[in-house]
Amino acid sequence: MAEDDLPGATAGTPGGAAREGMGRSIRLAALVWRLVLLVVCAYGLFLNTGLDQGALDLQSFSYFTIQSNLLVLLAYLWVTGRTFGALGGGRRPLPVLVPWLAGIVLVAITITGLVYNFVLVPRDVALGTFDGGDLADLLVHTWVPLLAVGDWLLFSPKGRFRWWYAVLWLVTPAAYAIFAFIRAELGPVLTGVGSRYPYFFLDADEFGWGAVGVNVVWLLVGFLVLGLVVVLIDRMLALGLRRLRR
């Protein structure tokens, strides 16, 4: 629960003091949560970008997984620093990401988790090539998405998202698709997948541009639906919290 969701109380009264203490506890809990998120995200990127082997693997940045995790890392470095600065006394608001950026980060990293766990893993299982996943995969595909979603559910004020934000959030997958196609034309074959394309559903060499175009449309539709679901959940939680205050 974000501080903005706490019932109101007049400063200087017992209720006001209790609210101030609760606000301080929430800021501390948010700081701990965000530090854990940063550590998990940073270590996941460390393992997945070749740094654990002593050399940065630039090809790793061709994957949406790495880009979305990097987005989380940068966004939460900023908001966690501000959270640390808000730990002092007084009724300071809990720092959060601005709504449009919060949604971009949330939807992008959620898609990372959903596509990996419900598209890529089932495909690899069907092909007999899934080895159960390792720590590097689990961190960037499962734990970072769960921690990022948890931060939004627990600490972000609700009711800030507008329906049209779901369209704005399509910028991320659209930009990534353009990037992936340009990289395929200009860059080398990716060693991890043996293809110029980072994901099989973008592989125009194997499936042709017509099929890939359909896949991109479905990808955008999936992002749009997820964005609308996020806005709906945000609205429902805001309504529920307003009812609690009565």
C-alpha atoms as a PDB file:
ATOM      1  CA  MET A   1       0.000   0.000   0.000  1.00  0.00           C
ATOM      2  CA  ALA A   2       1.377   3.390  -0.977  1.00  0.00           C
ATOM      3  CA  GLU A   3       1.456   6.289   1.471  1.00  0.00           C
ATOM      4  CA  ASP A   4      -1.097   8.150  -0.611  1.00  0.00           C
ATOM      5  CA  ASP A   5      -3.500   5.290   0.089  1.00  0.00           C
ATOM      6  CA  LEU A   6      -3.362   5.671   3.876  1.00  0.00           C
ATOM      7  CA  PRO A   7      -6.420   7.137   5.633  1.00  0.00           C
ATOM      8  CA  GLY A   8      -6.036  10.830   6.363  1.00  0.00           C
ATOM      9  CA  ALA A   9      -5.330  12.248   9.825  1.00  0.00           C
ATOM     10  CA  THR A  10      -4.559  15.696  11.162  1.00  0.00           C
ATOM     11  CA  ALA A  11      -0.922  16.443  11.901  1.00  0.00           C
ATOM     12  CA  GLY A  12      -0.176  16.706  15.624  1.00  0.00           C
ATOM     13  CA  THR A  13      -2.964  14.307  16.628  1.00  0.00           C
ATOM     14  CA  PRO A  14      -2.404  10.690  17.703  1.00  0.00           C
ATOM     15  CA  GLY A  15      -3.870   9.648  14.357  1.00  0.00           C
ATOM     16  CA  GLY A  16      -1.483  11.989  12.566  1.00  0.00           C
ATOM     17  CA  ALA A  17       1.505  10.610  14.461  1.00  0.00           C
ATOM     18  CA  ALA A  18       0.408   7.080  13.651  1.00  0.00           C
ATOM     19  CA  ARG A  19       0.056   7.985   9.995  1.00  0.00           C
ATOM     20  CA  GLU A  20       3.524   9.542   9.996  1.00  0.00           C
ATOM     21  CA  GLY A  21       4.991   6.410  11.577  1.00  0.00           C
ATOM     22  CA  MET A  22       3.189   4.224   9.068  1.00  0.00           C
ATOM     23  CA  GLY A  23       4.475   6.381   6.226  1.00  0.00           C
ATOM     24  CA  ARG A  24       8.042   6.023   7.485  1.00  0.00           C
ATOM     25  CA  SER A  25       7.604   2.240   7.711  1.00  0.00           C
ATOM     26  CA  ILE A  26       6.284   2.113   4.165  1.00  0.00           C
ATOM     27  CA  ARG A  27       9.238   4.151   2.884  1.00  0.00           C
ATOM     28  CA  LEU A  28      11.644   1.778   4.644  1.00  0.00           C
ATOM     29  CA  ALA A  29       9.848  -1.299   3.281  1.00  0.00           C
ATOM     30  CA  ALA A  30       9.881   0.189  -0.222  1.00  0.00           C
ATOM     31  CA  LEU A  31      13.600   0.915   0.060  1.00  0.00           C
ATOM     32  CA  VAL A  32      14.391  -2.673   1.091  1.00  0.00           C
ATOM     33  CA  TRP A  33      12.169  -4.084  -1.677  1.00  0.00           C
ATOM     34  CA  ARG A  34      13.755  -1.846  -4.301  1.00  0.00           C
ATOM     35  CA  LEU A  35      17.282  -2.631  -3.164  1.00  0.00           C
ATOM     36  CA  VAL A  36      16.514  -6.348  -3.518  1.00  0.00           C
ATOM     37  CA  LEU A  37      15.075  -5.661  -6.980  1.00  0.00           C
ATOM     38  CA  LEU A  38      18.207  -3.744  -7.984  1.00  0.00           C
ATOM     39  CA  VAL A  39      20.544  -6.467  -6.723  1.00  0.00           C
ATOM     40  CA  VAL A  40      18.589  -9.223  -8.502  1.00  0.00           C
ATOM     41  CA  CYS A  41      18.345  -7.190 -11.716  1.00  0.00           C
ATOM     42  CA  ALA A  42      22.005  -6.127 -11.690  1.00  0.00           C
ATOM     43  CA  TYR A  43      23.216  -9.658 -10.970  1.00  0.00           C
ATOM     44  CA  GLY A  44      20.950 -11.074 -13.664  1.00  0.00           C
ATOM     45  CA  LEU A  45      22.375  -8.620 -16.191  1.00  0.00           C
ATOM     46  CA  PHE A  46      25.881  -9.407 -14.966  1.00  0.00           C
ATOM     47  CA  LEU A  47      25.343 -13.117 -15.682  1.00  0.00           C
ATOM     48  CA  ASN A  48      23.584 -12.586 -19.011  1.00  0.00           C
ATOM     49  CA  THR A  49      25.869 -10.009 -20.624  1.00  0.00           C
ATOM     50  CA  GLY A  50      29.167 -11.894 -20.388  1.00  0.00           C
ATOM     51  CA  LEU A  51      30.550  -9.796 -17.542  1.00  0.00           C
ATOM     52  CA  ASP A  52      30.818 -12.902 -15.363  1.00  0.00           C
ATOM     53  CA  GLN A  53      33.226 -14.216 -18.015  1.00  0.00           C
ATOM     54  CA  GLY A  54      35.277 -11.030 -17.981  1.00  0.00           C
ATOM     55  CA  ALA A  55      34.085  -9.514 -21.276  1.00  0.00           C
ATOM     56  CA  LEU A  56      30.927  -7.633 -22.221  1.00  0.00           C
ATOM     57  CA  ASP A  57      28.887  -9.539 -24.820  1.00  0.00           C
ATOM     58  CA  LEU A  58      27.368  -6.816 -26.991  1.00  0.00           C
ATOM     59  CA  GLN A  59      25.154  -9.355 -28.770  1.00  0.00           C
ATOM     60  CA  SER A  60      23.239  -9.913 -25.529  1.00  0.00           C
ATOM     61  CA  PHE A  61      21.759  -6.445 -25.878  1.00  0.00           C
ATOM     62  CA  SER A  62      19.963  -7.639 -29.008  1.00  0.00           C
ATOM     63  CA  TYR A  63      17.414  -9.396 -26.779  1.00  0.00           C
ATOM     64  CA  PHE A  64      14.285  -7.740 -25.437  1.00  0.00           C
ATOM     65  CA  THR A  65      14.933  -9.502 -22.138  1.00  0.00           C
ATOM     66  CA  ILE A  66      18.193  -7.631 -21.608  1.00  0.00           C
ATOM     67  CA  GLN A  67      16.772  -4.328 -22.800  1.00  0.00           C
ATOM     68  CA  SER A  68      13.722  -4.562 -20.529  1.00  0.00           C
ATOM     69  CA  ASN A  69      15.867  -5.544 -17.546  1.00  0.00           C
ATOM     70  CA  LEU A  70      18.203  -2.641 -18.275  1.00  0.00           C
ATOM     71  CA  LEU A  71      15.166  -0.340 -18.357  1.00  0.00           C
ATOM     72  CA  VAL A  72      14.123  -1.649 -14.932  1.00  0.00           C
ATOM     73  CA  LEU A  73      17.649  -1.171 -13.585  1.00  0.00           C
ATOM     74  CA  LEU A  74      17.915   2.442 -14.745  1.00  0.00           C
ATOM     75  CA  ALA A  75      14.404   3.398 -13.622  1.00  0.00           C
ATOM     76  CA  TYR A  76      14.809   1.842 -10.180  1.00  0.00           C
ATOM     77  CA  LEU A  77      18.285   3.226  -9.623  1.00  0.00           C
ATOM     78  CA  TRP A  78      16.670   6.648  -9.863  1.00  0.00           C
ATOM     79  CA  VAL A  79      13.581   5.924  -7.758  1.00  0.00           C
ATOM     80  CA  THR A  80      15.536   3.936  -5.142  1.00  0.00           C
ATOM     81  CA  GLY A  81      17.967   6.795  -4.689  1.00  0.00           C
ATOM     82  CA  ARG A  82      15.042   9.135  -4.113  1.00  0.00           C
ATOM     83  CA  THR A  83      13.468   6.623  -1.717  1.00  0.00           C
ATOM     84  CA  PHE A  84      16.655   6.578   0.351  1.00  0.00           C
ATOM     85  CA  GLY A  85      16.577  10.387   0.487  1.00  0.00           C
ATOM     86  CA  ALA A  86      12.964  10.312   1.716  1.00  0.00           C
ATOM     87  CA  LEU A  87      13.710   8.193   4.795  1.00  0.00           C
ATOM     88  CA  GLY A  88      14.036  11.190   7.117  1.00  0.00           C
ATOM     89  CA  GLY A  89      11.378  12.385   9.502  1.00  0.00           C
ATOM     90  CA  GLY A  90       8.203  14.151   8.497  1.00  0.00           C
ATOM     91  CA  ARG A  91       5.416  13.158   6.187  1.00  0.00           C
ATOM     92  CA  ARG A  92       7.450  12.869   3.025  1.00  0.00           C
ATOM     93  CA  PRO A  93       5.744  11.188   0.067  1.00  0.00           C
ATOM     94  CA  LEU A  94       7.106   7.862  -1.117  1.00  0.00           C
ATOM     95  CA  PRO A  95       8.965   8.460  -4.410  1.00  0.00           C
ATOM     96  CA  VAL A  96       7.455   6.593  -7.347  1.00  0.00           C
ATOM     97  CA  LEU A  97       7.926   6.623 -11.101  1.00  0.00           C
ATOM     98  CA  VAL A  98       5.751   9.020 -13.088  1.00  0.00           C
ATOM     99  CA  PRO A  99       2.685   7.157 -14.428  1.00  0.00           C
ATOM    100  CA  TRP A 100       3.630   6.897 -18.110  1.00  0.00           C
ATOM    101  CA  LEU A 101       7.149   5.662 -17.300  1.00  0.00           C
ATOM    102  CA  ALA A 102       5.881   3.317 -14.582  1.00  0.00           C
ATOM    103  CA  GLY A 103       3.580   1.724 -17.144  1.00  0.00           C
ATOM    104  CA  ILE A 104       6.288   1.372 -19.783  1.00  0.00           C
ATOM    105  CA  VAL A 105       8.598  -0.361 -17.297  1.00  0.00           C
ATOM    106  CA  LEU A 106       5.828  -2.527 -15.852  1.00  0.00           C
ATOM    107  CA  VAL A 107       4.401  -3.704 -19.179  1.00  0.00           C
ATOM    108  CA  ALA A 108       7.817  -4.285 -20.780  1.00  0.00           C
ATOM    109  CA  ILE A 109       9.182  -6.432 -17.948  1.00  0.00           C
ATOM    110  CA  THR A 110       5.866  -8.275 -17.558  1.00  0.00           C
ATOM    111  CA  ILE A 111       5.942  -9.188 -21.250  1.00  0.00           C
ATOM    112  CA  THR A 112       9.489 -10.488 -20.723  1.00  0.00           C
ATOM    113  CA  GLY A 113       8.249 -12.819 -18.009  1.00  0.00           C
ATOM    114  CA  LEU A 114       5.119 -13.914 -19.866  1.00  0.00           C
ATOM    115  CA  VAL A 115       6.786 -14.589 -23.232  1.00  0.00           C
ATOM    116  CA  TYR A 116       9.621 -16.568 -21.647  1.00  0.00           C
ATOM    117  CA  ASN A 117       7.512 -18.655 -19.292  1.00  0.00           C
ATOM    118  CA  PHE A 118       4.473 -19.210 -21.535  1.00  0.00           C
ATOM    119  CA  VAL A 119       5.890 -19.096 -25.089  1.00  0.00           C
ATOM    120  CA  LEU A 120       9.614 -19.857 -25.197  1.00  0.00           C
ATOM    121  CA  VAL A 121       9.802 -22.446 -22.421  1.00  0.00           C
ATOM    122  CA  PRO A 122       6.788 -24.465 -23.684  1.00  0.00           C
ATOM    123  CA  ARG A 123       8.272 -24.411 -27.207  1.00  0.00           C
ATOM    124  CA  ASP A 124      11.643 -25.658 -25.919  1.00  0.00           C
ATOM    125  CA  VAL A 125       9.918 -28.309 -23.826  1.00  0.00           C
ATOM    126  CA  ALA A 126       8.027 -29.510 -26.906  1.00  0.00           C
ATOM    127  CA  LEU A 127      11.278 -29.619 -28.893  1.00  0.00           C
ATOM    128  CA  GLY A 128      13.084 -31.410 -26.074  1.00  0.00           C
ATOM    129  CA  THR A 129      15.677 -28.642 -25.776  1.00  0.00           C
ATOM    130  CA  PHE A 130      14.630 -27.170 -22.421  1.00  0.00           C
ATOM    131  CA  ASP A 131      17.180 -27.902 -19.716  1.00  0.00           C
ATOM    132  CA  GLY A 132      15.127 -26.560 -16.804  1.00  0.00           C
ATOM    133  CA  GLY A 133      16.643 -23.084 -16.903  1.00  0.00           C
ATOM    134  CA  ASP A 134      19.522 -21.794 -14.847  1.00  0.00           C
ATOM    135  CA  LEU A 135      19.968 -18.969 -12.362  1.00  0.00           C
ATOM    136  CA  ALA A 136      20.796 -16.451 -15.083  1.00  0.00           C
ATOM    137  CA  ASP A 137      17.523 -17.200 -16.886  1.00  0.00           C
ATOM    138  CA  LEU A 138      15.423 -17.236 -13.728  1.00  0.00           C
ATOM    139  CA  LEU A 139      16.695 -13.878 -12.522  1.00  0.00           C
ATOM    140  CA  VAL A 140      15.955 -11.848 -15.658  1.00  0.00           C
ATOM    141  CA  HIS A 141      12.868 -13.755 -16.850  1.00  0.00           C
ATOM    142  CA  THR A 142      11.071 -14.525 -13.588  1.00  0.00           C
ATOM    143  CA  TRP A 143      12.396 -12.824 -10.476  1.00  0.00           C
ATOM    144  CA  VAL A 144      12.841  -9.324 -11.891  1.00  0.00           C
ATOM    145  CA  PRO A 145       9.326  -9.321 -13.426  1.00  0.00           C
ATOM    146  CA  LEU A 146       7.816 -10.571 -10.144  1.00  0.00           C
ATOM    147  CA  LEU A 147       9.679  -7.993  -8.053  1.00  0.00           C
ATOM    148  CA  ALA A 148       8.793  -5.150 -10.432  1.00  0.00           C
ATOM    149  CA  VAL A 149       5.111  -6.101 -10.461  1.00  0.00           C
ATOM    150  CA  GLY A 150       5.225  -6.449  -6.681  1.00  0.00           C
ATOM    151  CA  ASP A 151       6.687  -2.962  -6.295  1.00  0.00           C
ATOM    152  CA  TRP A 152       3.856  -1.501  -8.363  1.00  0.00           C
ATOM    153  CA  LEU A 153       1.175  -3.428  -6.454  1.00  0.00           C
ATOM    154  CA  LEU A 154       2.574  -2.616  -3.017  1.00  0.00           C
ATOM    155  CA  PHE A 155       3.978   0.889  -3.276  1.00  0.00           C
ATOM    156  CA  SER A 156       2.568   2.823  -6.241  1.00  0.00           C
ATOM    157  CA  PRO A 157      -0.506   5.029  -5.784  1.00  0.00           C
ATOM    158  CA  LYS A 158      -3.408   3.573  -7.714  1.00  0.00           C
ATOM    159  CA  GLY A 159      -5.723   5.292 -10.165  1.00  0.00           C
ATOM    160  CA  ARG A 160      -2.973   7.179 -12.019  1.00  0.00           C
ATOM    161  CA  PHE A 161      -3.152   5.263 -15.307  1.00  0.00           C
ATOM    162  CA  ARG A 162      -5.347   6.488 -18.167  1.00  0.00           C
ATOM    163  CA  TRP A 163      -6.807   4.176 -20.822  1.00  0.00           C
ATOM    164  CA  TRP A 164      -4.848   5.830 -23.616  1.00  0.00           C
ATOM    165  CA  TYR A 165      -1.581   5.006 -21.831  1.00  0.00           C
ATOM    166  CA  ALA A 166      -2.000   1.438 -23.158  1.00  0.00           C
ATOM    167  CA  VAL A 167      -1.478   2.828 -26.671  1.00  0.00           C
ATOM    168  CA  LEU A 168       1.514   4.905 -25.535  1.00  0.00           C
ATOM    169  CA  TRP A 169       3.121   1.805 -24.059  1.00  0.00           C
ATOM    170  CA  LEU A 170       3.177   0.208 -27.548  1.00  0.00           C
ATOM    171  CA  VAL A 171       6.203   2.392 -28.276  1.00  0.00           C
ATOM    172  CA  THR A 172       8.419  -0.149 -26.515  1.00  0.00           C
ATOM    173  CA  PRO A 173       7.587  -3.277 -28.571  1.00  0.00           C
ATOM    174  CA  ALA A 174       7.326  -1.294 -31.804  1.00  0.00           C
ATOM    175  CA  ALA A 175      10.757   0.254 -31.266  1.00  0.00           C
ATOM    176  CA  TYR A 176      12.204  -3.140 -30.371  1.00  0.00           C
ATOM    177  CA  ALA A 177      10.800  -4.796 -33.513  1.00  0.00           C
ATOM    178  CA  ILE A 178      12.320  -2.046 -35.684  1.00  0.00           C
ATOM    179  CA  PHE A 179      15.617  -2.420 -33.832  1.00  0.00           C
ATOM    180  CA  ALA A 180      15.608  -6.218 -34.274  1.00  0.00           C
ATOM    181  CA  PHE A 181      15.012  -5.985 -38.021  1.00  0.00           C
ATOM    182  CA  ILE A 182      17.694  -3.313 -38.529  1.00  0.00           C
ATOM    183  CA  ARG A 183      20.168  -5.270 -36.410  1.00  0.00           C
ATOM    184  CA  ALA A 184      19.464  -8.390 -38.472  1.00  0.00           C
ATOM    185  CA  GLU A 185      20.331  -6.549 -41.668  1.00  0.00           C
ATOM    186  CA  LEU A 186      23.460  -4.873 -40.337  1.00  0.00           C
ATOM    187  CA  GLY A 187      24.764  -7.219 -37.666  1.00  0.00           C
ATOM    188  CA  PRO A 188      26.167 -10.748 -37.589  1.00  0.00           C
ATOM    189  CA  VAL A 189      24.360 -13.985 -36.789  1.00  0.00           C
ATOM    190  CA  LEU A 190      23.621 -14.236 -33.084  1.00  0.00           C
ATOM    191  CA  THR A 191      25.737 -16.994 -31.626  1.00  0.00           C
ATOM    192  CA  GLY A 192      23.198 -17.949 -28.991  1.00  0.00           C
ATOM    193  CA  VAL A 193      20.448 -18.855 -31.476  1.00  0.00           C
ATOM    194  CA  GLY A 194      22.311 -19.335 -34.754  1.00  0.00           C
ATOM    195  CA  SER A 195      20.116 -16.769 -36.487  1.00  0.00           C
ATOM    196  CA  ARG A 196      20.187 -13.100 -37.372  1.00  0.00           C
ATOM    197  CA  TYR A 197      17.004 -12.698 -35.325  1.00  0.00           C
ATOM    198  CA  PRO A 198      16.912 -12.935 -31.520  1.00  0.00           C
ATOM    199  CA  TYR A 199      13.499 -14.668 -31.348  1.00  0.00           C
ATOM    200  CA  PHE A 200      12.029 -17.334 -33.599  1.00  0.00           C
ATOM    201  CA  PHE A 201       8.778 -15.399 -34.129  1.00  0.00           C
ATOM    202  CA  LEU A 202      10.787 -12.549 -35.715  1.00  0.00           C
ATOM    203  CA  ASP A 203      12.856 -14.816 -37.985  1.00  0.00           C
ATOM    204  CA  ALA A 204      12.023 -13.622 -41.512  1.00  0.00           C
ATOM    205  CA  ASP A 205      14.705 -15.921 -42.935  1.00  0.00           C
ATOM    206  CA  GLU A 206      12.828 -18.992 -41.761  1.00  0.00           C
ATOM    207  CA  PHE A 207       9.174 -17.929 -41.896  1.00  0.00           C
ATOM    208  CA  GLY A 208       9.108 -15.076 -44.415  1.00  0.00           C
ATOM    209  CA  TRP A 209       8.085 -11.467 -43.966  1.00  0.00           C
ATOM    210  CA  GLY A 210       4.377 -12.182 -44.254  1.00  0.00           C
ATOM    211  CA  ALA A 211       4.335 -14.552 -41.283  1.00  0.00           C
ATOM    212  CA  VAL A 212       6.663 -12.325 -39.290  1.00  0.00           C
ATOM    213  CA  GLY A 213       4.430  -9.333 -40.004  1.00  0.00           C
ATOM    214  CA  VAL A 214       1.482 -11.255 -38.570  1.00  0.00           C
ATOM    215  CA  ASN A 215       3.598 -12.172 -35.532  1.00  0.00           C
ATOM    216  CA  VAL A 216       4.492  -8.514 -34.952  1.00  0.00           C
ATOM    217  CA  VAL A 217       0.827  -7.535 -35.161  1.00  0.00           C
ATOM    218  CA  TRP A 218      -0.033 -10.194 -32.585  1.00  0.00           C
ATOM    219  CA  LEU A 219       2.852  -8.988 -30.438  1.00  0.00           C
ATOM    220  CA  LEU A 220       1.465  -5.453 -30.489  1.00  0.00           C
ATOM    221  CA  VAL A 221      -2.038  -6.729 -29.777  1.00  0.00           C
ATOM    222  CA  GLY A 222      -0.657  -8.671 -26.818  1.00  0.00           C
ATOM    223  CA  PHE A 223       1.073  -5.564 -25.487  1.00  0.00           C
ATOM    224  CA  LEU A 224      -2.115  -3.546 -25.955  1.00  0.00           C
ATOM    225  CA  VAL A 225      -4.252  -6.119 -24.150  1.00  0.00           C
ATOM    226  CA  LEU A 226      -1.753  -6.346 -21.310  1.00  0.00           C
ATOM    227  CA  GLY A 227      -1.652  -2.565 -21.061  1.00  0.00           C
ATOM    228  CA  LEU A 228      -5.448  -2.395 -20.887  1.00  0.00           C
ATOM    229  CA  VAL A 229      -5.467  -5.106 -18.204  1.00  0.00           C
ATOM    230  CA  VAL A 230      -2.900  -3.128 -16.201  1.00  0.00           C
ATOM    231  CA  VAL A 231      -5.046   0.017 -16.440  1.00  0.00           C
ATOM    232  CA  LEU A 232      -8.136  -1.978 -15.431  1.00  0.00           C
ATOM    233  CA  ILE A 233      -6.373  -3.470 -12.395  1.00  0.00           C
ATOM    234  CA  ASP A 234      -5.078  -0.010 -11.480  1.00  0.00           C
ATOM    235  CA  ARG A 235      -8.623   1.409 -11.627  1.00  0.00           C
ATOM    236  CA  MET A 236     -10.119  -1.479  -9.651  1.00  0.00           C
ATOM    237  CA  LEU A 237      -7.490  -1.201  -6.914  1.00  0.00           C
ATOM    238  CA  ALA A 238      -8.030   2.560  -6.718  1.00  0.00           C
ATOM    239  CA  LEU A 239     -11.787   2.007  -6.347  1.00  0.00           C
ATOM    240  CA  GLY A 240     -11.251  -0.596  -3.656  1.00  0.00           C
ATOM    241  CA  LEU A 241      -8.929   1.700  -1.689  1.00  0.00           C
ATOM    242  CA  ARG A 242     -11.416   4.581  -1.890  1.00  0.00           C
ATOM    243  CA  ARG A 243     -14.080   2.323  -0.423  1.00  0.00           C
ATOM    244  CA  LEU A 244     -11.728   1.352   2.427  1.00  0.00           C
ATOM    245  CA  ARG A 245     -11.354   5.012   3.371  1.00  0.00           C
ATOM    246  CA  ARG A 246     -15.083   5.462   3.887  1.00  0.00           C
END
